[in-house]
Amino acid sequence: MAIEVTVPDIGDFADVPVIGILVSVGDTVAAEDPLIELESDKATMEVPSPAAGVVKEIKVSEGDNVSEGALILLLEGEGAPAAPAEAAPAAAPALAAAPAPATPAAPVMDQGFGKAYASPSVRAFARQLDIDLSKVNGSGRKGRILREDVTKFLKSTTAAAPAAAGASGGMGIPPIPVVDFSKFGPVEDVEMPRIKKLSGPALHRSWLNIPHVTHNEEADITELDKYRKEMDTMAKEEGYRVTLLSFVVKASVNALKQHWEFNSSIHPDGDKLIRKSYYNIGFAADTPNGLVVPVIKDADRKGIVEISKDLMELSGKARAGELKSNDMQGVTFTISSLGGIGGTHFTPIVNAPEVAILGLTRSKMAPVWNGEEFVPRLMQPLSLSYDHRAVDGALAARFCVTLKTLLGDMRKLMW
């Protein structure tokens, strides 16, 4: 019987480019074998076969744009197909954010861009540099155009003469001049991990579109950390750990409930805030290939133990490259922790369309005046970056005061 294989649930994405056809007509495939590759601005995804069989007819081509439900191919097999599998991302960016409404591309070079075999991030990079991709030779698999191919092309066209005065990159911002570093000493091109390639444009977009402000604060976690260590000792016996991040997630949810603006997004018309009544907390997870942002769903309904188990499970999946698209969607507020590495304060980049992100660095013992004398206290630095269009400085200060109060008295976390 012929099985119609369609694009499964790929989250909030639509019109995603097909960047690779992994099978041919006549190929025999097993259930879960990859059929095609898709690439959004957040991840590369392989669409698996729902059943075993022989490829009878392929209905898409490389360069086509597809959405959920689009017909991929016909498979000659026996029995009913398995339940549609969720497209698995091969990688995802740090501080990943939901895609912003697409900005109409300039009419220049549209024909060349349509024929070019390149990822969305490479296309965006080429547009910023006003480079016609139809003139660029691709060095990737099957002639795919890579970022370094665009850079090489730009270098070749600017080597004879300097860039024209007034030339600018995306959004009217002058591009960074291309420099031949080999003139000064030995150099080597090192391929960036896929996560960084994909996250770069999203981070750049957020930084350019959001008026960032960062508020720094410190919370006294002396008593909380004593309790955390007790919980962690018991948790080890059950095979999981309790870290400070679990308590910060819990405290953040409580603070978000008191200051709902931080759990909102700016309406597309720019005149309203979208108030969210759910609390999905994203956290930056360090992996060998870069940072990804798994999401703890419905964190307001979970206690410290359940949050700790979620953190451990999602972190493990992130390191193993096993996160699904659903594991990284729906975030309302993000926490980026560098506590295990060091630092004092930093400016985390807001994940649009979120309006705030909390950064954590390493806690330290410090002398604190209690009204009579200085006493040693364990202090936790907090760095809150926020979108100044949605949040003003006074509200940010109140949010941080609420957060430090909750972390300073663990009993209030149970309210």
Foldseek 3Di string as FASTA:
>chain_A
DKDFDWAADADPDFQWFWQFAPDDAFDWDAFQCFGTWTDDLFFIWTFTHQGTFGFHFADDDGLGTGDGGHTGGIGDDDDDGHDGDFTAGLAGAALAFDDDPDDDQDPPLPVQVSPANEHPLLVLVCSQQVHNRNPFFAPDVPRHRDNVSSVVVVCVVPVVDHDDPLDGGPPSHRDDDDDDCVVPHDDDDDDAFPRCSSCVVQLVVLVVPFPKDKDKDKFFQFVVVVVQVVVQVVVVVVPFGQDVVLLLLLLLVVLCVVVQLQQWFQPPVRPDIGGDPAAKEWEWAQEPNGTATFIDGRSVVDDSVVSRVVVVVVNVCNRVSNDGSVRRDDHREYEYEQQVPADAEDGDGNRPRRFKYKYWHHWDWDFDDPPPGTDTTTMTMIMMMGGCSRDPPVSVVVSVVSSSVCSRDVVVSVD
